[in-house]
């Protein structure tokens, strides 16, 4: 599995080295065929996930809102708990930034 990472930027300014500016994330999740209910159920048990939105469209099946955790915990939730979950085909993460 290959993960592509691009430099964190906001209004053209680099945010690398500024994990304290990350306030949370929205994670767009595409589930494997037939696994949507199982993925949704597993997501409900993860601390830090505040809301799960089922959506209709080609890009994703679920949008997850993560808040109230530090950058280290946020990274673990996304990289280990969600991306490694059986039934998750792919993800796209949008970080919520703020001062």
PDB file of N, CA and C in Angstrom:
ATOM      1  N   UNK A   1       0.850  -1.172   0.000  1.00  0.00           N
ATOM      2  CA  UNK A   1       0.000   0.000   0.000  1.00  0.00           C
ATOM      3  C   UNK A   1       0.899   1.238   0.000  1.00  0.00           C
ATOM      4  N   UNK A   2       0.557   2.205  -0.823  1.00  0.00           N
ATOM      5  CA  UNK A   2       1.344   3.433  -0.941  1.00  0.00           C
ATOM      6  C   UNK A   2       0.520   4.599  -0.427  1.00  0.00           C
ATOM      7  N   UNK A   3       1.123   5.422   0.427  1.00  0.00           N
ATOM      8  CA  UNK A   3       0.465   6.626   0.922  1.00  0.00           C
ATOM      9  C   UNK A   3       1.157   7.824   0.309  1.00  0.00           C
ATOM     10  N   UNK A   4       0.381   8.702  -0.327  1.00  0.00           N
ATOM     11  CA  UNK A   4       0.937   9.929  -0.876  1.00  0.00           C
ATOM     12  C   UNK A   4       0.703  11.046   0.122  1.00  0.00           C
ATOM     13  N   UNK A   5       1.728  11.790   0.411  1.00  0.00           N
ATOM     14  CA  UNK A   5       1.607  12.912   1.326  1.00  0.00           C
ATOM     15  C   UNK A   5       2.111  14.157   0.629  1.00  0.00           C
ATOM     16  N   UNK A   6       1.397  15.236   0.796  1.00  0.00           N
ATOM     17  CA  UNK A   6       1.857  16.512   0.264  1.00  0.00           C
ATOM     18  C   UNK A   6       2.085  17.454   1.433  1.00  0.00           C
ATOM     19  N   UNK A   7       2.932  18.468   1.246  1.00  0.00           N
ATOM     20  CA  UNK A   7       3.206  19.391   2.344  1.00  0.00           C
ATOM     21  C   UNK A   7       1.926  20.073   2.815  1.00  0.00           C
ATOM     22  N   UNK A   8       1.796  20.211   4.129  1.00  0.00           N
ATOM     23  CA  UNK A   8       0.654  20.920   4.678  1.00  0.00           C
ATOM     24  C   UNK A   8       0.812  22.400   4.393  1.00  0.00           C
ATOM     25  N   UNK A   9      -0.214  22.996   3.781  1.00  0.00           N
ATOM     26  CA  UNK A   9      -0.169  24.422   3.454  1.00  0.00           C
ATOM     27  C   UNK A   9      -1.530  25.028   3.761  1.00  0.00           C
ATOM     28  N   UNK A  10      -1.512  26.286   4.152  1.00  0.00           N
ATOM     29  CA  UNK A  10      -2.738  27.049   4.340  1.00  0.00           C
ATOM     30  C   UNK A  10      -2.482  28.450   3.830  1.00  0.00           C
ATOM     31  N   UNK A  11      -3.288  28.900   2.890  1.00  0.00           N
ATOM     32  CA  UNK A  11      -3.115  30.222   2.268  1.00  0.00           C
ATOM     33  C   UNK A  11      -1.690  30.382   1.751  1.00  0.00           C
ATOM     34  N   UNK A  12      -1.155  29.294   1.200  1.00  0.00           N
ATOM     35  CA  UNK A  12       0.178  29.343   0.616  1.00  0.00           C
ATOM     36  C   UNK A  12       1.314  29.194   1.604  1.00  0.00           C
ATOM     37  N   UNK A  13       1.017  29.221   2.900  1.00  0.00           N
ATOM     38  CA  UNK A  13       2.060  29.119   3.923  1.00  0.00           C
ATOM     39  C   UNK A  13       2.237  27.666   4.346  1.00  0.00           C
ATOM     40  N   UNK A  14       3.489  27.193   4.430  1.00  0.00           N
ATOM     41  CA  UNK A  14       3.716  25.821   4.869  1.00  0.00           C
ATOM     42  C   UNK A  14       3.351  25.645   6.338  1.00  0.00           C
ATOM     43  N   UNK A  15       2.768  24.497   6.647  1.00  0.00           N
ATOM     44  CA  UNK A  15       2.377  24.204   8.019  1.00  0.00           C
ATOM     45  C   UNK A  15       3.153  23.036   8.604  1.00  0.00           C
ATOM     46  N   UNK A  16       4.138  22.542   7.876  1.00  0.00           N
ATOM     47  CA  UNK A  16       4.958  21.458   8.393  1.00  0.00           C
ATOM     48  C   UNK A  16       5.594  21.934   9.692  1.00  0.00           C
ATOM     49  N   UNK A  17       5.610  21.073  10.683  1.00  0.00           N
ATOM     50  CA  UNK A  17       6.169  21.460  11.965  1.00  0.00           C
ATOM     51  C   UNK A  17       5.181  22.229  12.820  1.00  0.00           C
ATOM     52  N   UNK A  18       3.927  22.317  12.365  1.00  0.00           N
ATOM     53  CA  UNK A  18       2.900  23.039  13.113  1.00  0.00           C
ATOM     54  C   UNK A  18       1.700  22.140  13.413  1.00  0.00           C
ATOM     55  N   UNK A  19       1.930  20.959  13.973  1.00  0.00           N
ATOM     56  CA  UNK A  19       0.794  20.072  14.234  1.00  0.00           C
ATOM     57  C   UNK A  19      -0.189  20.657  15.239  1.00  0.00           C
ATOM     58  N   UNK A  20       0.248  21.631  16.037  1.00  0.00           N
ATOM     59  CA  UNK A  20      -0.670  22.247  16.996  1.00  0.00           C
ATOM     60  C   UNK A  20      -1.767  23.052  16.307  1.00  0.00           C
ATOM     61  N   UNK A  21      -1.597  23.344  15.021  1.00  0.00           N
ATOM     62  CA  UNK A  21      -2.622  24.074  14.266  1.00  0.00           C
ATOM     63  C   UNK A  21      -3.722  23.156  13.737  1.00  0.00           C
ATOM     64  N   UNK A  22      -3.510  21.857  13.816  1.00  0.00           N
ATOM     65  CA  UNK A  22      -4.511  20.897  13.341  1.00  0.00           C
ATOM     66  C   UNK A  22      -5.579  20.734  14.420  1.00  0.00           C
ATOM     67  N   UNK A  23      -6.829  21.010  14.065  1.00  0.00           N
ATOM     68  CA  UNK A  23      -7.949  20.967  15.011  1.00  0.00           C
ATOM     69  C   UNK A  23      -8.799  19.705  14.875  1.00  0.00           C
ATOM     70  N   UNK A  24      -8.582  18.968  13.829  1.00  0.00           N
ATOM     71  CA  UNK A  24      -9.363  17.770  13.573  1.00  0.00           C
ATOM     72  C   UNK A  24      -9.271  17.423  12.103  1.00  0.00           C
ATOM     73  N   UNK A  25     -10.172  16.567  11.650  1.00  0.00           N
ATOM     74  CA  UNK A  25     -10.132  16.160  10.247  1.00  0.00           C
ATOM     75  C   UNK A  25     -11.486  15.627   9.812  1.00  0.00           C
ATOM     76  N   UNK A  26     -11.730  15.755   8.525  1.00  0.00           N
ATOM     77  CA  UNK A  26     -12.793  15.022   7.856  1.00  0.00           C
ATOM     78  C   UNK A  26     -12.090  13.952   7.032  1.00  0.00           C
ATOM     79  N   UNK A  27     -12.547  12.717   7.146  1.00  0.00           N
ATOM     80  CA  UNK A  27     -11.975  11.622   6.373  1.00  0.00           C
ATOM     81  C   UNK A  27     -13.073  11.064   5.473  1.00  0.00           C
ATOM     82  N   UNK A  28     -12.836  11.131   4.164  1.00  0.00           N
ATOM     83  CA  UNK A  28     -13.762  10.574   3.183  1.00  0.00           C
ATOM     84  C   UNK A  28     -13.375   9.119   2.972  1.00  0.00           C
ATOM     85  N   UNK A  29     -14.315   8.225   3.132  1.00  0.00           N
ATOM     86  CA  UNK A  29     -14.032   6.790   3.099  1.00  0.00           C
ATOM     87  C   UNK A  29     -14.832   6.122   1.989  1.00  0.00           C
ATOM     88  N   UNK A  30     -14.138   5.359   1.167  1.00  0.00           N
ATOM     89  CA  UNK A  30     -14.766   4.508   0.155  1.00  0.00           C
ATOM     90  C   UNK A  30     -14.693   3.081   0.679  1.00  0.00           C
ATOM     91  N   UNK A  31     -15.850   2.468   0.881  1.00  0.00           N
ATOM     92  CA  UNK A  31     -15.896   1.101   1.394  1.00  0.00           C
ATOM     93  C   UNK A  31     -15.913   0.103   0.244  1.00  0.00           C
ATOM     94  N   UNK A  32     -15.381  -1.073   0.504  1.00  0.00           N
ATOM     95  CA  UNK A  32     -15.433  -2.158  -0.473  1.00  0.00           C
ATOM     96  C   UNK A  32     -16.885  -2.587  -0.655  1.00  0.00           C
ATOM     97  N   UNK A  33     -17.240  -3.096  -1.834  1.00  0.00           N
ATOM     98  CA  UNK A  33     -18.613  -3.547  -2.062  1.00  0.00           C
ATOM     99  C   UNK A  33     -19.066  -4.540  -0.989  1.00  0.00           C
ATOM    100  N   UNK A  34     -20.237  -4.290  -0.426  1.00  0.00           N
ATOM    101  CA  UNK A  34     -20.802  -5.186   0.574  1.00  0.00           C
ATOM    102  C   UNK A  34     -20.306  -4.988   1.990  1.00  0.00           C
ATOM    103  N   UNK A  35     -19.417  -4.035   2.219  1.00  0.00           N
ATOM    104  CA  UNK A  35     -18.841  -3.885   3.560  1.00  0.00           C
ATOM    105  C   UNK A  35     -19.212  -2.581   4.259  1.00  0.00           C
ATOM    106  N   UNK A  36     -20.091  -1.798   3.680  1.00  0.00           N
ATOM    107  CA  UNK A  36     -20.409  -0.476   4.224  1.00  0.00           C
ATOM    108  C   UNK A  36     -20.947  -0.543   5.655  1.00  0.00           C
ATOM    109  N   UNK A  37     -21.873  -1.425   5.924  1.00  0.00           N
ATOM    110  CA  UNK A  37     -22.452  -1.520   7.278  1.00  0.00           C
ATOM    111  C   UNK A  37     -21.409  -1.932   8.305  1.00  0.00           C
ATOM    112  N   UNK A  38     -20.561  -2.878   7.943  1.00  0.00           N
ATOM    113  CA  UNK A  38     -19.515  -3.328   8.864  1.00  0.00           C
ATOM    114  C   UNK A  38     -18.532  -2.200   9.156  1.00  0.00           C
ATOM    115  N   UNK A  39     -18.121  -1.464   8.131  1.00  0.00           N
ATOM    116  CA  UNK A  39     -17.198  -0.339   8.317  1.00  0.00           C
ATOM    117  C   UNK A  39     -17.846   0.713   9.212  1.00  0.00           C
ATOM    118  N   UNK A  40     -19.098   1.047   8.950  1.00  0.00           N
ATOM    119  CA  UNK A  40     -19.814   2.040   9.758  1.00  0.00           C
ATOM    120  C   UNK A  40     -19.851   1.607  11.226  1.00  0.00           C
ATOM    121  N   UNK A  41     -20.165   0.354  11.469  1.00  0.00           N
ATOM    122  CA  UNK A  41     -20.242  -0.179  12.834  1.00  0.00           C
ATOM    123  C   UNK A  41     -18.894  -0.086  13.543  1.00  0.00           C
ATOM    124  N   UNK A  42     -17.818  -0.438  12.849  1.00  0.00           N
ATOM    125  CA  UNK A  42     -16.481  -0.372  13.448  1.00  0.00           C
ATOM    126  C   UNK A  42     -16.073   1.065  13.749  1.00  0.00           C
ATOM    127  N   UNK A  43     -16.421   1.987  12.866  1.00  0.00           N
ATOM    128  CA  UNK A  43     -16.077   3.398  13.074  1.00  0.00           C
ATOM    129  C   UNK A  43     -16.741   3.948  14.329  1.00  0.00           C
ATOM    130  N   UNK A  44     -17.947   3.479  14.633  1.00  0.00           N
ATOM    131  CA  UNK A  44     -18.670   3.954  15.817  1.00  0.00           C
ATOM    132  C   UNK A  44     -17.923   3.664  17.112  1.00  0.00           C
ATOM    133  N   UNK A  45     -17.052   2.686  17.108  1.00  0.00           N
ATOM    134  CA  UNK A  45     -16.321   2.311  18.313  1.00  0.00           C
ATOM    135  C   UNK A  45     -14.974   2.991  18.484  1.00  0.00           C
ATOM    136  N   UNK A  46     -14.626   3.923  17.609  1.00  0.00           N
ATOM    137  CA  UNK A  46     -13.315   4.577  17.677  1.00  0.00           C
ATOM    138  C   UNK A  46     -13.433   5.912  18.406  1.00  0.00           C
ATOM    139  N   UNK A  47     -12.681   6.060  19.509  1.00  0.00           N
ATOM    140  CA  UNK A  47     -12.646   7.323  20.248  1.00  0.00           C
ATOM    141  C   UNK A  47     -12.085   8.424  19.362  1.00  0.00           C
ATOM    142  N   UNK A  48     -12.680   9.595  19.429  1.00  0.00           N
ATOM    143  CA  UNK A  48     -12.236  10.731  18.624  1.00  0.00           C
ATOM    144  C   UNK A  48     -13.111  10.968  17.414  1.00  0.00           C
ATOM    145  N   UNK A  49     -13.807   9.920  16.960  1.00  0.00           N
ATOM    146  CA  UNK A  49     -14.742  10.102  15.848  1.00  0.00           C
ATOM    147  C   UNK A  49     -16.029  10.667  16.430  1.00  0.00           C
ATOM    148  N   UNK A  50     -16.342  11.893  16.028  1.00  0.00           N
ATOM    149  CA  UNK A  50     -17.496  12.598  16.585  1.00  0.00           C
ATOM    150  C   UNK A  50     -18.761  12.411  15.766  1.00  0.00           C
ATOM    151  N   UNK A  51     -18.611  12.179  14.474  1.00  0.00           N
ATOM    152  CA  UNK A  51     -19.791  12.057  13.611  1.00  0.00           C
ATOM    153  C   UNK A  51     -19.438  11.215  12.392  1.00  0.00           C
ATOM    154  N   UNK A  52     -20.387  10.406  11.953  1.00  0.00           N
ATOM    155  CA  UNK A  52     -20.243   9.605  10.738  1.00  0.00           C
ATOM    156  C   UNK A  52     -21.415   9.963   9.830  1.00  0.00           C
ATOM    157  N   UNK A  53     -21.091  10.462   8.650  1.00  0.00           N
ATOM    158  CA  UNK A  53     -22.116  10.873   7.693  1.00  0.00           C
ATOM    159  C   UNK A  53     -22.147   9.899   6.516  1.00  0.00           C
ATOM    160  N   UNK A  54     -23.212   9.117   6.347  1.00  0.00           N
ATOM    161  CA  UNK A  54     -23.344   8.329   5.122  1.00  0.00           C
ATOM    162  C   UNK A  54     -23.647   9.292   3.968  1.00  0.00           C
ATOM    163  N   UNK A  55     -22.993   9.103   2.840  1.00  0.00           N
ATOM    164  CA  UNK A  55     -23.200   9.968   1.684  1.00  0.00           C
ATOM    165  C   UNK A  55     -23.386   9.117   0.434  1.00  0.00           C
ATOM    166  N   UNK A  56     -23.957   9.724  -0.578  1.00  0.00           N
ATOM    167  CA  UNK A  56     -24.169   9.049  -1.852  1.00  0.00           C
ATOM    168  C   UNK A  56     -23.318   9.746  -2.896  1.00  0.00           C
ATOM    169  N   UNK A  57     -22.546   8.977  -3.617  1.00  0.00           N
ATOM    170  CA  UNK A  57     -21.712   9.541  -4.667  1.00  0.00           C
ATOM    171  C   UNK A  57     -20.618   8.573  -5.051  1.00  0.00           C
ATOM    172  N   UNK A  58     -19.927   8.916  -6.093  1.00  0.00           N
ATOM    173  CA  UNK A  58     -18.881   8.043  -6.619  1.00  0.00           C
ATOM    174  C   UNK A  58     -17.609   8.094  -5.781  1.00  0.00           C
ATOM    175  N   UNK A  59     -17.327   9.247  -5.189  1.00  0.00           N
ATOM    176  CA  UNK A  59     -16.057   9.463  -4.498  1.00  0.00           C
ATOM    177  C   UNK A  59     -15.946   8.714  -3.182  1.00  0.00           C
ATOM    178  N   UNK A  60     -17.013   8.745  -2.372  1.00  0.00           N
ATOM    179  CA  UNK A  60     -16.935   8.101  -1.063  1.00  0.00           C
ATOM    180  C   UNK A  60     -18.315   7.652  -0.605  1.00  0.00           C
ATOM    181  N   UNK A  61     -18.313   6.807   0.427  1.00  0.00           N
ATOM    182  CA  UNK A  61     -19.545   6.286   1.009  1.00  0.00           C
ATOM    183  C   UNK A  61     -19.835   6.891   2.376  1.00  0.00           C
ATOM    184  N   UNK A  62     -18.772   7.268   3.087  1.00  0.00           N
ATOM    185  CA  UNK A  62     -18.898   7.831   4.429  1.00  0.00           C
ATOM    186  C   UNK A  62     -17.961   9.021   4.574  1.00  0.00           C
ATOM    187  N   UNK A  63     -18.394  10.009   5.359  1.00  0.00           N
ATOM    188  CA  UNK A  63     -17.502  11.091   5.767  1.00  0.00           C
ATOM    189  C   UNK A  63     -17.471  11.059   7.286  1.00  0.00           C
ATOM    190  N   UNK A  64     -16.271  10.980   7.834  1.00  0.00           N
ATOM    191  CA  UNK A  64     -16.074  10.892   9.273  1.00  0.00           C
ATOM    192  C   UNK A  64     -15.473  12.199   9.766  1.00  0.00           C
ATOM    193  N   UNK A  65     -16.023  12.724  10.865  1.00  0.00           N
ATOM    194  CA  UNK A  65     -15.471  13.925  11.486  1.00  0.00           C
ATOM    195  C   UNK A  65     -14.739  13.520  12.757  1.00  0.00           C
ATOM    196  N   UNK A  66     -13.453  13.896  12.825  1.00  0.00           N
ATOM    197  CA  UNK A  66     -12.624  13.586  13.989  1.00  0.00           C
ATOM    198  C   UNK A  66     -12.271  14.897  14.674  1.00  0.00           C
ATOM    199  N   UNK A  67     -12.507  14.972  15.979  1.00  0.00           N
ATOM    200  CA  UNK A  67     -12.191  16.170  16.755  1.00  0.00           C
ATOM    201  C   UNK A  67     -11.817  15.773  18.176  1.00  0.00           C
ATOM    202  N   UNK A  68     -11.199  16.729  18.887  1.00  0.00           N
ATOM    203  CA  UNK A  68     -10.939  16.542  20.309  1.00  0.00           C
ATOM    204  C   UNK A  68      -9.773  15.644  20.640  1.00  0.00           C
ATOM    205  N   UNK A  69      -8.878  15.449  19.679  1.00  0.00           N
ATOM    206  CA  UNK A  69      -7.686  14.637  19.928  1.00  0.00           C
ATOM    207  C   UNK A  69      -6.458  15.417  19.474  1.00  0.00           C
ATOM    208  N   UNK A  70      -5.296  15.080  20.043  1.00  0.00           N
ATOM    209  CA  UNK A  70      -4.074  15.750  19.601  1.00  0.00           C
ATOM    210  C   UNK A  70      -3.615  15.166  18.266  1.00  0.00           C
ATOM    211  N   UNK A  71      -2.582  15.782  17.683  1.00  0.00           N
ATOM    212  CA  UNK A  71      -2.129  15.387  16.349  1.00  0.00           C
ATOM    213  C   UNK A  71      -1.676  13.933  16.303  1.00  0.00           C
ATOM    214  N   UNK A  72      -1.018  13.478  17.349  1.00  0.00           N
ATOM    215  CA  UNK A  72      -0.542  12.097  17.398  1.00  0.00           C
ATOM    216  C   UNK A  72      -1.721  11.114  17.376  1.00  0.00           C
ATOM    217  N   UNK A  73      -2.733  11.389  18.184  1.00  0.00           N
ATOM    218  CA  UNK A  73      -3.916  10.523  18.217  1.00  0.00           C
ATOM    219  C   UNK A  73      -4.676  10.589  16.897  1.00  0.00           C
ATOM    220  N   UNK A  74      -4.755  11.780  16.316  1.00  0.00           N
ATOM    221  CA  UNK A  74      -5.416  11.950  15.021  1.00  0.00           C
ATOM    222  C   UNK A  74      -4.727  11.100  13.959  1.00  0.00           C
ATOM    223  N   UNK A  75      -3.404  11.150  13.933  1.00  0.00           N
ATOM    224  CA  UNK A  75      -2.634  10.349  12.970  1.00  0.00           C
ATOM    225  C   UNK A  75      -2.900   8.867  13.154  1.00  0.00           C
ATOM    226  N   UNK A  76      -2.930   8.408  14.409  1.00  0.00           N
ATOM    227  CA  UNK A  76      -3.182   6.996  14.686  1.00  0.00           C
ATOM    228  C   UNK A  76      -4.576   6.591  14.206  1.00  0.00           C
ATOM    229  N   UNK A  77      -5.573   7.418  14.496  1.00  0.00           N
ATOM    230  CA  UNK A  77      -6.941   7.102  14.076  1.00  0.00           C
ATOM    231  C   UNK A  77      -7.010   6.943  12.560  1.00  0.00           C
ATOM    232  N   UNK A  78      -6.388   7.876  11.844  1.00  0.00           N
ATOM    233  CA  UNK A  78      -6.467   7.848  10.380  1.00  0.00           C
ATOM    234  C   UNK A  78      -5.614   6.730   9.789  1.00  0.00           C
ATOM    235  N   UNK A  79      -4.346   6.668  10.174  1.00  0.00           N
ATOM    236  CA  UNK A  79      -3.411   5.737   9.537  1.00  0.00           C
ATOM    237  C   UNK A  79      -3.569   4.292   9.981  1.00  0.00           C
ATOM    238  N   UNK A  80      -3.914   4.068  11.245  1.00  0.00           N
ATOM    239  CA  UNK A  80      -4.001   2.698  11.742  1.00  0.00           C
ATOM    240  C   UNK A  80      -5.441   2.209  11.872  1.00  0.00           C
ATOM    241  N   UNK A  81      -6.272   2.994  12.534  1.00  0.00           N
ATOM    242  CA  UNK A  81      -7.633   2.526  12.802  1.00  0.00           C
ATOM    243  C   UNK A  81      -8.514   2.516  11.551  1.00  0.00           C
ATOM    244  N   UNK A  82      -8.463   3.582  10.750  1.00  0.00           N
ATOM    245  CA  UNK A  82      -9.353   3.669   9.583  1.00  0.00           C
ATOM    246  C   UNK A  82      -8.732   3.027   8.349  1.00  0.00           C
ATOM    247  N   UNK A  83      -7.546   3.455   7.959  1.00  0.00           N
ATOM    248  CA  UNK A  83      -6.955   2.958   6.699  1.00  0.00           C
ATOM    249  C   UNK A  83      -6.659   1.467   6.717  1.00  0.00           C
ATOM    250  N   UNK A  84      -6.390   0.910   7.880  1.00  0.00           N
ATOM    251  CA  UNK A  84      -6.075  -0.513   7.970  1.00  0.00           C
ATOM    252  C   UNK A  84      -7.318  -1.372   8.218  1.00  0.00           C
ATOM    253  N   UNK A  85      -8.475  -0.737   8.362  1.00  0.00           N
ATOM    254  CA  UNK A  85      -9.712  -1.446   8.665  1.00  0.00           C
ATOM    255  C   UNK A  85     -10.156  -2.301   7.475  1.00  0.00           C
ATOM    256  N   UNK A  86     -10.525  -3.538   7.761  1.00  0.00           N
ATOM    257  CA  UNK A  86     -11.053  -4.417   6.716  1.00  0.00           C
ATOM    258  C   UNK A  86     -12.333  -3.798   6.159  1.00  0.00           C
ATOM    259  N   UNK A  87     -12.411  -3.720   4.842  1.00  0.00           N
ATOM    260  CA  UNK A  87     -13.578  -3.158   4.183  1.00  0.00           C
ATOM    261  C   UNK A  87     -13.383  -1.727   3.708  1.00  0.00           C
ATOM    262  N   UNK A  88     -12.288  -1.092   4.143  1.00  0.00           N
ATOM    263  CA  UNK A  88     -11.990   0.265   3.676  1.00  0.00           C
ATOM    264  C   UNK A  88     -11.134   0.151   2.425  1.00  0.00           C
ATOM    265  N   UNK A  89     -11.670   0.629   1.320  1.00  0.00           N
ATOM    266  CA  UNK A  89     -10.973   0.552   0.039  1.00  0.00           C
ATOM    267  C   UNK A  89      -9.964   1.687  -0.120  1.00  0.00           C
ATOM    268  N   UNK A  90     -10.393   2.915   0.231  1.00  0.00           N
ATOM    269  CA  UNK A  90      -9.485   4.066   0.155  1.00  0.00           C
ATOM    270  C   UNK A  90     -10.040   5.197   1.011  1.00  0.00           C
ATOM    271  N   UNK A  91      -9.154   6.142   1.329  1.00  0.00           N
ATOM    272  CA  UNK A  91      -9.554   7.307   2.119  1.00  0.00           C
ATOM    273  C   UNK A  91      -8.964   8.572   1.514  1.00  0.00           C
ATOM    274  N   UNK A  92      -9.561   9.687   1.871  1.00  0.00           N
ATOM    275  CA  UNK A  92      -9.030  11.010   1.525  1.00  0.00           C
ATOM    276  C   UNK A  92      -9.240  11.868   2.766  1.00  0.00           C
ATOM    277  N   UNK A  93      -8.166  12.460   3.271  1.00  0.00           N
ATOM    278  CA  UNK A  93      -8.222  13.202   4.527  1.00  0.00           C
ATOM    279  C   UNK A  93      -8.121  14.699   4.293  1.00  0.00           C
ATOM    280  N   UNK A  94      -9.003  15.439   4.956  1.00  0.00           N
ATOM    281  CA  UNK A  94      -8.998  16.899   4.936  1.00  0.00           C
ATOM    282  C   UNK A  94      -8.763  17.365   6.368  1.00  0.00           C
ATOM    283  N   UNK A  95      -7.620  17.997   6.623  1.00  0.00           N
ATOM    284  CA  UNK A  95      -7.305  18.468   7.969  1.00  0.00           C
ATOM    285  C   UNK A  95      -7.997  19.791   8.246  1.00  0.00           C
ATOM    286  N   UNK A  96      -8.524  19.940   9.454  1.00  0.00           N
ATOM    287  CA  UNK A  96      -9.146  21.183   9.899  1.00  0.00           C
ATOM    288  C   UNK A  96      -8.075  22.000  10.609  1.00  0.00           C
ATOM    289  N   UNK A  97      -7.794  23.182  10.092  1.00  0.00           N
ATOM    290  CA  UNK A  97      -6.710  24.011  10.621  1.00  0.00           C
ATOM    291  C   UNK A  97      -7.276  25.220  11.360  1.00  0.00           C
ATOM    292  N   UNK A  98      -6.517  25.716  12.317  1.00  0.00           N
ATOM    293  CA  UNK A  98      -6.920  26.910  13.049  1.00  0.00           C
ATOM    294  C   UNK A  98      -5.830  27.351  13.998  1.00  0.00           C
ATOM    295  N   UNK A  99      -6.016  28.535  14.546  1.00  0.00           N
ATOM    296  CA  UNK A  99      -5.041  29.056  15.514  1.00  0.00           C
ATOM    297  C   UNK A  99      -5.475  28.757  16.921  1.00  0.00           C
TER     298      UNK A  99
END
